[in-house]
Amino acid sequence: MHESIYKSNVNIVLEEITKTLMSIEDIQVIELKNAILNAEKIFFVGVGRVLLSLQAIAKRLAHIGINSHIVGEITEPAISINDLLIVGSGSGKSLFPLAIAKKAKTIGAKIVHIGSNPNSELKEIVDLMVRIPVRTKLYLNDEIELSQPMTSFFEQSLLLFGDILIKIIIIEKKLELNNLWQYHANLE
């Protein structure tokens, strides 16, 4: 019996996501985890579908009691030198995240870039880059070639990377999963 087109594509995507997530350097993950745990507030900035993945990560951090915000939201507080800005941008060239990173740098906040391009203008601004080396619109030589269109794989990888990072934080903080409901929205 032939495998369905759906199931064969599930296998392809799962293989690609595994290859991608396994390519992220452990030290970058540990440094990001430490930066999150040492910051008073965590801010996220991105655009488009990347922003959707960042919003999910910010919500998951809030679910484990970490003070997290999306840049531009109506309830966004001021950023300070005690805070962390996480910039999500595959290419590192998106104008809005780049401008926000520059502003945060003048304030003294720590900045992390989660992206694919290690040589973007963000390189001179950030304290840490977590590289997800998937295909970008730049077609860099060392990007992982994937079967999905455009930059779909970056935001997928970013979302799952965020889930894995939160799991690592839960383990480090020895959080009891059944106690986390206190942080979950209850006006539903």
N, C-alpha and C. Protein backbone atom coordinates (compact mmCIF):
# COMPACT_ATOMS: atom_id res chain seq x y z
N MET A 1 0.86 -1.18 0.00
CA MET A 1 0.00 0.00 0.00
C MET A 1 0.90 1.24 0.00
N HIS A 2 0.54 2.21 -0.79
CA HIS A 2 1.31 3.44 -0.87
C HIS A 2 0.98 4.37 0.28
N GLU A 3 2.01 4.99 0.78
CA GLU A 3 1.81 5.98 1.84
C GLU A 3 1.09 7.18 1.26
N SER A 4 0.17 7.75 2.02
CA SER A 4 -0.57 8.92 1.53
C SER A 4 0.37 10.10 1.36
N ILE A 5 -0.01 11.03 0.50
CA ILE A 5 0.79 12.24 0.29
C ILE A 5 0.91 13.04 1.58
N TYR A 6 -0.16 13.03 2.39
CA TYR A 6 -0.12 13.72 3.68
C TYR A 6 0.94 13.10 4.57
N LYS A 7 0.89 11.78 4.75
CA LYS A 7 1.81 11.12 5.67
C LYS A 7 3.25 11.18 5.18
N SER A 8 3.47 11.12 3.89
CA SER A 8 4.84 11.23 3.39
C SER A 8 5.38 12.63 3.65
N ASN A 9 4.53 13.65 3.55
CA ASN A 9 4.97 15.01 3.84
C ASN A 9 5.14 15.25 5.33
N VAL A 10 4.36 14.58 6.17
CA VAL A 10 4.57 14.64 7.61
C VAL A 10 5.97 14.15 7.92
N ASN A 11 6.35 13.02 7.33
CA ASN A 11 7.68 12.46 7.58
C ASN A 11 8.78 13.41 7.11
N ILE A 12 8.60 14.04 5.95
CA ILE A 12 9.60 14.98 5.44
C ILE A 12 9.76 16.16 6.39
N VAL A 13 8.63 16.75 6.80
CA VAL A 13 8.68 17.92 7.68
C VAL A 13 9.29 17.56 9.03
N LEU A 14 8.91 16.42 9.59
CA LEU A 14 9.46 16.01 10.88
C LEU A 14 10.96 15.76 10.80
N GLU A 15 11.42 15.17 9.72
CA GLU A 15 12.86 14.97 9.53
C GLU A 15 13.57 16.32 9.42
N GLU A 16 12.98 17.24 8.68
CA GLU A 16 13.60 18.56 8.52
C GLU A 16 13.61 19.34 9.83
N ILE A 17 12.53 19.28 10.58
CA ILE A 17 12.48 20.02 11.84
C ILE A 17 13.48 19.43 12.84
N THR A 18 13.62 18.11 12.86
CA THR A 18 14.59 17.47 13.73
C THR A 18 16.01 17.89 13.35
N LYS A 19 16.32 17.84 12.07
CA LYS A 19 17.65 18.26 11.59
C LYS A 19 17.92 19.71 11.98
N THR A 20 16.94 20.56 11.82
CA THR A 20 17.10 21.98 12.11
C THR A 20 17.31 22.22 13.61
N LEU A 21 16.43 21.68 14.44
CA LEU A 21 16.53 21.91 15.88
C LEU A 21 17.81 21.31 16.45
N MET A 22 18.26 20.19 15.91
CA MET A 22 19.50 19.57 16.38
C MET A 22 20.73 20.38 15.96
N SER A 23 20.58 21.26 14.98
CA SER A 23 21.71 22.06 14.51
C SER A 23 21.96 23.30 15.36
N ILE A 24 21.04 23.65 16.25
CA ILE A 24 21.21 24.81 17.12
C ILE A 24 22.25 24.45 18.19
N GLU A 25 23.19 25.36 18.40
CA GLU A 25 24.28 25.08 19.33
C GLU A 25 23.80 25.13 20.78
N ASP A 26 24.17 24.11 21.54
CA ASP A 26 23.79 24.00 22.95
C ASP A 26 24.17 25.24 23.76
N ILE A 27 25.37 25.75 23.53
CA ILE A 27 25.85 26.88 24.33
C ILE A 27 24.96 28.11 24.11
N GLN A 28 24.46 28.29 22.90
CA GLN A 28 23.57 29.41 22.62
C GLN A 28 22.25 29.26 23.38
N VAL A 29 21.77 28.05 23.46
CA VAL A 29 20.52 27.78 24.19
C VAL A 29 20.71 28.06 25.67
N ILE A 30 21.80 27.60 26.24
CA ILE A 30 22.09 27.81 27.67
C ILE A 30 22.24 29.30 27.96
N GLU A 31 22.95 30.01 27.08
CA GLU A 31 23.13 31.45 27.29
C GLU A 31 21.79 32.19 27.20
N LEU A 32 20.92 31.79 26.28
CA LEU A 32 19.61 32.42 26.18
C LEU A 32 18.78 32.11 27.42
N LYS A 33 18.80 30.87 27.87
CA LYS A 33 18.06 30.50 29.08
C LYS A 33 18.53 31.35 30.26
N ASN A 34 19.83 31.49 30.41
CA ASN A 34 20.37 32.29 31.51
C ASN A 34 19.98 33.76 31.38
N ALA A 35 20.00 34.28 30.17
CA ALA A 35 19.61 35.68 29.94
C ALA A 35 18.15 35.90 30.33
N ILE A 36 17.30 34.95 29.99
CA ILE A 36 15.87 35.04 30.35
C ILE A 36 15.72 35.01 31.87
N LEU A 37 16.39 34.07 32.51
CA LEU A 37 16.24 33.92 33.97
C LEU A 37 16.85 35.07 34.75
N ASN A 38 17.81 35.77 34.15
CA ASN A 38 18.45 36.90 34.83
C ASN A 38 17.80 38.24 34.55
N ALA A 39 16.86 38.29 33.65
CA ALA A 39 16.21 39.56 33.29
C ALA A 39 14.97 39.79 34.16
N GLU A 40 14.68 41.05 34.39
CA GLU A 40 13.43 41.39 35.10
C GLU A 40 12.23 41.22 34.18
N LYS A 41 12.36 41.72 32.95
CA LYS A 41 11.28 41.61 31.97
C LYS A 41 11.89 41.15 30.64
N ILE A 42 11.09 40.39 29.90
CA ILE A 42 11.51 39.91 28.58
C ILE A 42 10.58 40.56 27.55
N PHE A 43 11.18 41.16 26.52
CA PHE A 43 10.43 41.77 25.43
C PHE A 43 10.74 41.01 24.14
N PHE A 44 9.75 40.90 23.28
CA PHE A 44 9.92 40.23 21.99
C PHE A 44 9.53 41.18 20.88
N VAL A 45 10.30 41.14 19.78
CA VAL A 45 9.95 41.92 18.61
C VAL A 45 10.21 41.09 17.36
N GLY A 46 9.28 41.18 16.43
CA GLY A 46 9.39 40.51 15.14
C GLY A 46 8.25 41.00 14.28
N VAL A 47 8.19 40.52 13.06
CA VAL A 47 7.10 40.90 12.16
C VAL A 47 6.53 39.66 11.49
N GLY A 48 5.33 39.79 10.99
CA GLY A 48 4.69 38.72 10.23
C GLY A 48 4.50 37.44 11.01
N ARG A 49 4.76 36.33 10.34
CA ARG A 49 4.56 35.02 10.95
C ARG A 49 5.55 34.77 12.08
N VAL A 50 6.74 35.38 11.98
CA VAL A 50 7.71 35.26 13.07
C VAL A 50 7.13 35.87 14.34
N LEU A 51 6.44 37.00 14.20
CA LEU A 51 5.81 37.62 15.36
C LEU A 51 4.80 36.68 16.01
N LEU A 52 4.06 35.94 15.21
CA LEU A 52 3.10 34.98 15.77
C LEU A 52 3.81 33.93 16.63
N SER A 53 4.94 33.43 16.15
CA SER A 53 5.71 32.46 16.93
C SER A 53 6.23 33.10 18.21
N LEU A 54 6.71 34.34 18.11
CA LEU A 54 7.22 35.04 19.30
C LEU A 54 6.11 35.30 20.31
N GLN A 55 4.92 35.62 19.83
CA GLN A 55 3.79 35.83 20.74
C GLN A 55 3.49 34.55 21.52
N ALA A 56 3.55 33.42 20.84
CA ALA A 56 3.31 32.15 21.52
C ALA A 56 4.40 31.88 22.57
N ILE A 57 5.64 32.19 22.25
CA ILE A 57 6.73 31.98 23.20
C ILE A 57 6.55 32.91 24.40
N ALA A 58 6.20 34.17 24.15
CA ALA A 58 5.97 35.13 25.25
C ALA A 58 4.85 34.62 26.15
N LYS A 59 3.80 34.10 25.57
CA LYS A 59 2.68 33.57 26.36
C LYS A 59 3.12 32.37 27.19
N ARG A 60 3.93 31.51 26.60
CA ARG A 60 4.41 30.34 27.33
C ARG A 60 5.30 30.75 28.51
N LEU A 61 6.12 31.78 28.29
CA LEU A 61 6.94 32.28 29.40
C LEU A 61 6.03 32.83 30.50
N ALA A 62 4.99 33.56 30.11
CA ALA A 62 4.05 34.07 31.10
C ALA A 62 3.40 32.93 31.87
N HIS A 63 3.16 31.82 31.18
CA HIS A 63 2.55 30.65 31.82
C HIS A 63 3.44 30.01 32.87
N ILE A 64 4.73 30.33 32.84
CA ILE A 64 5.61 29.79 33.89
C ILE A 64 6.08 30.90 34.83
N GLY A 65 5.35 32.03 34.80
CA GLY A 65 5.59 33.09 35.77
C GLY A 65 6.67 34.08 35.40
N ILE A 66 7.07 34.12 34.13
CA ILE A 66 8.12 35.05 33.68
C ILE A 66 7.44 36.26 33.03
N ASN A 67 7.88 37.44 33.42
CA ASN A 67 7.31 38.71 32.98
C ASN A 67 7.71 38.96 31.53
N SER A 68 6.80 38.72 30.59
CA SER A 68 7.13 38.83 29.16
C SER A 68 6.13 39.71 28.43
N HIS A 69 6.64 40.41 27.40
CA HIS A 69 5.84 41.40 26.67
C HIS A 69 6.18 41.39 25.19
N ILE A 70 5.24 41.80 24.38
CA ILE A 70 5.44 41.98 22.95
C ILE A 70 5.57 43.48 22.69
N VAL A 71 6.65 43.88 21.99
CA VAL A 71 6.84 45.28 21.65
C VAL A 71 5.66 45.75 20.80
N GLY A 72 5.09 46.88 21.19
CA GLY A 72 3.98 47.46 20.45
C GLY A 72 2.62 47.18 21.03
N GLU A 73 2.54 46.22 21.94
CA GLU A 73 1.25 45.93 22.58
C GLU A 73 0.86 47.11 23.46
N ILE A 74 -0.41 47.31 23.62
CA ILE A 74 -0.91 48.48 24.34
C ILE A 74 -0.48 48.49 25.81
N THR A 75 -0.24 47.33 26.39
CA THR A 75 0.15 47.27 27.81
C THR A 75 1.67 47.11 27.99
N GLU A 76 2.43 47.34 26.94
CA GLU A 76 3.89 47.20 27.01
C GLU A 76 4.49 48.21 28.00
N PRO A 77 5.25 47.75 29.00
CA PRO A 77 5.91 48.68 29.92
C PRO A 77 7.22 49.20 29.32
N ALA A 78 7.88 50.07 30.05
CA ALA A 78 9.18 50.58 29.62
C ALA A 78 10.24 49.48 29.75
N ILE A 79 11.17 49.47 28.84
CA ILE A 79 12.32 48.56 28.92
C ILE A 79 13.43 49.28 29.68
N SER A 80 14.25 48.51 30.40
CA SER A 80 15.34 49.10 31.18
C SER A 80 16.61 48.28 31.00
N ILE A 81 17.66 48.70 31.67
CA ILE A 81 18.93 47.98 31.61
C ILE A 81 18.85 46.60 32.27
N ASN A 82 17.80 46.36 33.02
CA ASN A 82 17.62 45.07 33.69
C ASN A 82 16.84 44.07 32.84
N ASP A 83 16.50 44.47 31.62
CA ASP A 83 15.59 43.69 30.79
C ASP A 83 16.29 43.08 29.58
N LEU A 84 15.56 42.21 28.90
CA LEU A 84 16.05 41.49 27.74
C LEU A 84 15.10 41.70 26.57
N LEU A 85 15.64 42.06 25.42
CA LEU A 85 14.88 42.13 24.18
C LEU A 85 15.29 40.96 23.31
N ILE A 86 14.32 40.16 22.90
CA ILE A 86 14.57 39.05 21.98
C ILE A 86 14.02 39.44 20.62
N VAL A 87 14.92 39.50 19.64
CA VAL A 87 14.57 39.87 18.28
C VAL A 87 14.47 38.60 17.46
N GLY A 88 13.31 38.36 16.87
CA GLY A 88 13.14 37.23 15.97
C GLY A 88 13.15 37.75 14.54
N SER A 89 14.15 37.32 13.77
CA SER A 89 14.25 37.72 12.37
C SER A 89 15.20 36.77 11.67
N GLY A 90 14.68 36.00 10.73
CA GLY A 90 15.53 35.06 10.02
C GLY A 90 16.69 35.76 9.34
N SER A 91 16.39 36.78 8.57
CA SER A 91 17.42 37.50 7.81
C SER A 91 18.19 38.50 8.66
N GLY A 92 17.57 38.97 9.75
CA GLY A 92 18.17 40.01 10.56
C GLY A 92 18.11 41.37 9.89
N LYS A 93 17.33 41.47 8.82
CA LYS A 93 17.27 42.70 8.04
C LYS A 93 15.89 43.38 8.11
N SER A 94 14.94 42.79 8.80
CA SER A 94 13.61 43.39 8.89
C SER A 94 13.72 44.74 9.60
N LEU A 95 13.17 45.78 8.99
CA LEU A 95 13.40 47.15 9.45
C LEU A 95 12.89 47.43 10.86
N PHE A 96 11.67 47.02 11.16
CA PHE A 96 11.09 47.32 12.47
C PHE A 96 11.88 46.65 13.61
N PRO A 97 12.13 45.34 13.55
CA PRO A 97 12.92 44.72 14.63
C PRO A 97 14.32 45.33 14.75
N LEU A 98 14.95 45.65 13.64
CA LEU A 98 16.28 46.24 13.66
C LEU A 98 16.25 47.60 14.36
N ALA A 99 15.25 48.42 14.03
CA ALA A 99 15.14 49.74 14.66
C ALA A 99 14.86 49.62 16.16
N ILE A 100 14.02 48.69 16.55
CA ILE A 100 13.72 48.48 17.97
C ILE A 100 14.97 48.01 18.71
N ALA A 101 15.74 47.12 18.09
CA ALA A 101 16.97 46.65 18.73
C ALA A 101 17.94 47.81 18.94
N LYS A 102 18.05 48.66 17.96
CA LYS A 102 18.95 49.83 18.10
C LYS A 102 18.48 50.73 19.25
N LYS A 103 17.19 50.93 19.36
CA LYS A 103 16.63 51.76 20.45
C LYS A 103 16.91 51.10 21.80
N ALA A 104 16.66 49.80 21.90
CA ALA A 104 16.88 49.08 23.16
C ALA A 104 18.36 49.13 23.55
N LYS A 105 19.24 49.09 22.57
CA LYS A 105 20.68 49.17 22.84
C LYS A 105 21.04 50.51 23.49
N THR A 106 20.42 51.61 23.01
CA THR A 106 20.71 52.93 23.59
C THR A 106 20.22 53.01 25.03
N ILE A 107 19.21 52.23 25.37
CA ILE A 107 18.67 52.22 26.74
C ILE A 107 19.51 51.33 27.65
N GLY A 108 20.23 50.39 27.07
CA GLY A 108 21.09 49.52 27.85
C GLY A 108 20.55 48.13 28.10
N ALA A 109 19.43 47.78 27.47
CA ALA A 109 18.87 46.43 27.62
C ALA A 109 19.78 45.41 26.93
N LYS A 110 19.75 44.18 27.42
CA LYS A 110 20.47 43.09 26.76
C LYS A 110 19.63 42.67 25.55
N ILE A 111 20.31 42.30 24.46
CA ILE A 111 19.59 41.97 23.23
C ILE A 111 20.05 40.62 22.71
N VAL A 112 19.08 39.78 22.34
CA VAL A 112 19.34 38.48 21.73
C VAL A 112 18.66 38.46 20.37
N HIS A 113 19.39 37.97 19.37
CA HIS A 113 18.81 37.77 18.04
C HIS A 113 18.64 36.28 17.83
N ILE A 114 17.42 35.85 17.56
CA ILE A 114 17.16 34.49 17.12
C ILE A 114 16.90 34.59 15.63
N GLY A 115 17.80 34.03 14.84
CA GLY A 115 17.68 34.17 13.40
C GLY A 115 18.58 33.20 12.67
N SER A 116 18.67 33.40 11.36
CA SER A 116 19.48 32.52 10.53
C SER A 116 20.75 33.19 10.02
N ASN A 117 20.71 34.50 9.85
CA ASN A 117 21.83 35.23 9.26
C ASN A 117 22.75 35.79 10.34
N PRO A 118 23.92 35.19 10.52
CA PRO A 118 24.83 35.65 11.57
C PRO A 118 25.58 36.94 11.21
N ASN A 119 25.43 37.40 10.00
CA ASN A 119 26.18 38.57 9.55
C ASN A 119 25.31 39.77 9.21
N SER A 120 24.13 39.83 9.79
CA SER A 120 23.25 40.97 9.55
C SER A 120 23.74 42.17 10.36
N GLU A 121 23.08 43.30 10.16
CA GLU A 121 23.41 44.51 10.92
C GLU A 121 23.20 44.30 12.41
N LEU A 122 22.35 43.36 12.78
CA LEU A 122 22.11 43.05 14.19
C LEU A 122 23.38 42.53 14.87
N LYS A 123 24.29 41.98 14.11
CA LYS A 123 25.53 41.42 14.66
C LYS A 123 26.26 42.42 15.55
N GLU A 124 26.22 43.69 15.17
CA GLU A 124 26.93 44.73 15.92
C GLU A 124 26.17 45.21 17.15
N ILE A 125 24.91 44.80 17.28
CA ILE A 125 24.04 45.31 18.34
C ILE A 125 23.80 44.30 19.45
N VAL A 126 23.71 43.03 19.07
CA VAL A 126 23.24 42.02 20.01
C VAL A 126 24.33 41.51 20.94
N ASP A 127 23.88 41.02 22.09
CA ASP A 127 24.77 40.38 23.06
C ASP A 127 24.92 38.89 22.78
N LEU A 128 23.92 38.33 22.10
CA LEU A 128 23.91 36.89 21.81
C LEU A 128 23.08 36.65 20.57
N MET A 129 23.54 35.73 19.74
CA MET A 129 22.72 35.25 18.64
C MET A 129 22.49 33.76 18.82
N VAL A 130 21.23 33.36 18.70
CA VAL A 130 20.87 31.96 18.64
C VAL A 130 20.53 31.70 17.18
N ARG A 131 21.36 30.88 16.54
CA ARG A 131 21.19 30.68 15.11
C ARG A 131 20.36 29.44 14.82
N ILE A 132 19.29 29.66 14.07
CA ILE A 132 18.49 28.59 13.48
C ILE A 132 18.83 28.65 11.99
N PRO A 133 19.75 27.81 11.53
CA PRO A 133 20.36 28.01 10.21
C PRO A 133 19.54 27.49 9.03
N VAL A 134 18.28 27.90 8.95
CA VAL A 134 17.42 27.46 7.86
C VAL A 134 17.43 28.49 6.74
N ARG A 135 16.87 28.10 5.61
CA ARG A 135 16.83 28.93 4.41
C ARG A 135 16.15 30.26 4.70
N THR A 136 16.80 31.33 4.29
CA THR A 136 16.22 32.67 4.35
C THR A 136 16.12 33.21 2.94
N LYS A 137 15.59 34.41 2.82
CA LYS A 137 15.50 35.06 1.51
C LYS A 137 16.89 35.43 0.99
N LEU A 138 17.91 35.29 1.83
CA LEU A 138 19.28 35.64 1.43
C LEU A 138 20.01 34.49 0.74
N TYR A 139 19.53 33.27 0.92
CA TYR A 139 20.16 32.07 0.36
C TYR A 139 21.65 32.01 0.67
N LEU A 140 21.97 32.05 1.97
CA LEU A 140 23.36 31.94 2.41
C LEU A 140 23.86 30.51 2.16
N ASN A 141 25.16 30.38 1.95
CA ASN A 141 25.75 29.08 1.60
C ASN A 141 25.56 28.01 2.66
N ASP A 142 25.57 28.38 3.93
CA ASP A 142 25.51 27.37 4.99
C ASP A 142 24.12 27.18 5.59
N GLU A 143 23.11 27.70 4.92
CA GLU A 143 21.73 27.48 5.40
C GLU A 143 21.29 26.06 5.06
N ILE A 144 20.47 25.49 5.93
CA ILE A 144 19.93 24.15 5.69
C ILE A 144 18.86 24.26 4.60
N GLU A 145 19.02 23.45 3.58
CA GLU A 145 18.06 23.42 2.46
C GLU A 145 16.85 22.58 2.90
N LEU A 146 15.68 23.15 2.75
CA LEU A 146 14.45 22.49 3.19
C LEU A 146 13.44 22.48 2.06
N SER A 147 12.43 21.64 2.19
CA SER A 147 11.46 21.49 1.11
C SER A 147 10.29 22.46 1.20
N GLN A 148 10.13 23.16 2.31
CA GLN A 148 8.98 24.05 2.45
C GLN A 148 9.24 25.40 1.77
N PRO A 149 8.16 26.08 1.36
CA PRO A 149 8.33 27.33 0.61
C PRO A 149 8.77 28.50 1.49
N MET A 150 9.53 29.38 0.87
CA MET A 150 9.93 30.65 1.44
C MET A 150 10.57 30.46 2.82
N THR A 151 10.10 31.17 3.81
CA THR A 151 10.72 31.10 5.14
C THR A 151 9.82 30.41 6.16
N SER A 152 8.90 29.58 5.69
CA SER A 152 7.99 28.89 6.58
C SER A 152 8.71 28.14 7.69
N PHE A 153 9.84 27.55 7.34
CA PHE A 153 10.51 26.70 8.31
C PHE A 153 11.13 27.49 9.45
N PHE A 154 11.47 28.75 9.21
CA PHE A 154 12.05 29.53 10.30
C PHE A 154 11.03 29.71 11.42
N GLU A 155 9.83 30.18 11.10
CA GLU A 155 8.88 30.41 12.20
C GLU A 155 8.40 29.11 12.84
N GLN A 156 8.34 28.02 12.08
CA GLN A 156 8.01 26.73 12.68
C GLN A 156 9.10 26.30 13.66
N SER A 157 10.34 26.41 13.22
CA SER A 157 11.47 26.05 14.08
C SER A 157 11.52 26.94 15.31
N LEU A 158 11.26 28.23 15.10
CA LEU A 158 11.27 29.19 16.20
C LEU A 158 10.22 28.81 17.25
N LEU A 159 9.03 28.47 16.81
CA LEU A 159 7.97 28.09 17.75
C LEU A 159 8.36 26.85 18.56
N LEU A 160 8.84 25.83 17.88
CA LEU A 160 9.23 24.60 18.60
C LEU A 160 10.46 24.82 19.46
N PHE A 161 11.40 25.64 18.97
CA PHE A 161 12.57 26.00 19.78
C PHE A 161 12.10 26.65 21.08
N GLY A 162 11.12 27.56 20.98
CA GLY A 162 10.58 28.21 22.18
C GLY A 162 10.00 27.21 23.15
N ASP A 163 9.27 26.24 22.65
CA ASP A 163 8.68 25.22 23.53
C ASP A 163 9.77 24.41 24.23
N ILE A 164 10.82 24.07 23.50
CA ILE A 164 11.92 23.31 24.09
C ILE A 164 12.64 24.16 25.14
N LEU A 165 12.85 25.43 24.83
CA LEU A 165 13.50 26.34 25.78
C LEU A 165 12.68 26.47 27.07
N ILE A 166 11.38 26.59 26.95
CA ILE A 166 10.53 26.71 28.14
C ILE A 166 10.61 25.41 28.95
N LYS A 167 10.65 24.27 28.27
CA LYS A 167 10.78 22.99 28.99
C LYS A 167 12.08 22.96 29.78
N ILE A 168 13.16 23.45 29.18
CA ILE A 168 14.46 23.51 29.87
C ILE A 168 14.36 24.41 31.11
N ILE A 169 13.68 25.54 30.97
CA ILE A 169 13.52 26.46 32.11
C ILE A 169 12.68 25.81 33.21
N ILE A 170 11.63 25.12 32.83
CA ILE A 170 10.78 24.42 33.80
C ILE A 170 11.62 23.41 34.60
N ILE A 171 12.47 22.66 33.90
CA ILE A 171 13.31 21.67 34.56
C ILE A 171 14.29 22.36 35.50
N GLU A 172 14.95 23.43 35.02
CA GLU A 172 15.95 24.12 35.85
C GLU A 172 15.33 24.73 37.09
N LYS A 173 14.14 25.33 36.94
CA LYS A 173 13.49 25.98 38.08
C LYS A 173 12.72 24.98 38.95
N LYS A 174 12.72 23.72 38.52
CA LYS A 174 12.01 22.65 39.25
C LYS A 174 10.54 23.02 39.49
N LEU A 175 9.91 23.52 38.42
CA LEU A 175 8.51 23.93 38.51
C LEU A 175 7.60 22.71 38.44
N GLU A 176 6.59 22.71 39.27
CA GLU A 176 5.59 21.65 39.25
C GLU A 176 4.55 22.01 38.19
N LEU A 177 4.37 21.15 37.21
CA LEU A 177 3.46 21.46 36.10
C LEU A 177 2.04 21.75 36.57
N ASN A 178 1.57 21.04 37.56
CA ASN A 178 0.19 21.26 38.01
C ASN A 178 0.03 22.59 38.75
N ASN A 179 1.15 23.23 39.16
CA ASN A 179 1.06 24.54 39.81
C ASN A 179 1.08 25.70 38.82
N LEU A 180 1.34 25.41 37.55
CA LEU A 180 1.47 26.47 36.55
C LEU A 180 0.12 27.05 36.13
N TRP A 181 -0.96 26.37 36.45
CA TRP A 181 -2.28 26.88 36.05
C TRP A 181 -2.59 28.23 36.69
N GLN A 182 -1.90 28.57 37.77
CA GLN A 182 -2.13 29.87 38.41
C GLN A 182 -1.78 31.03 37.46
N TYR A 183 -0.94 30.78 36.46
CA TYR A 183 -0.54 31.82 35.52
C TYR A 183 -1.36 31.82 34.23
N HIS A 184 -2.18 30.80 34.06
CA HIS A 184 -2.96 30.66 32.83
C HIS A 184 -4.18 31.60 32.86
N ALA A 185 -4.53 32.12 31.71
CA ALA A 185 -5.72 32.97 31.62
C ALA A 185 -6.93 32.21 32.17
N ASN A 186 -7.76 32.91 32.92
CA ASN A 186 -8.96 32.26 33.48
C ASN A 186 -10.24 33.00 33.12
N LEU A 187 -10.17 33.97 32.25
CA LEU A 187 -11.37 34.65 31.76
C LEU A 187 -11.81 34.04 30.44
N GLU A 188 -11.81 32.72 30.40
CA GLU A 188 -12.16 32.04 29.15
C GLU A 188 -13.44 31.27 29.29
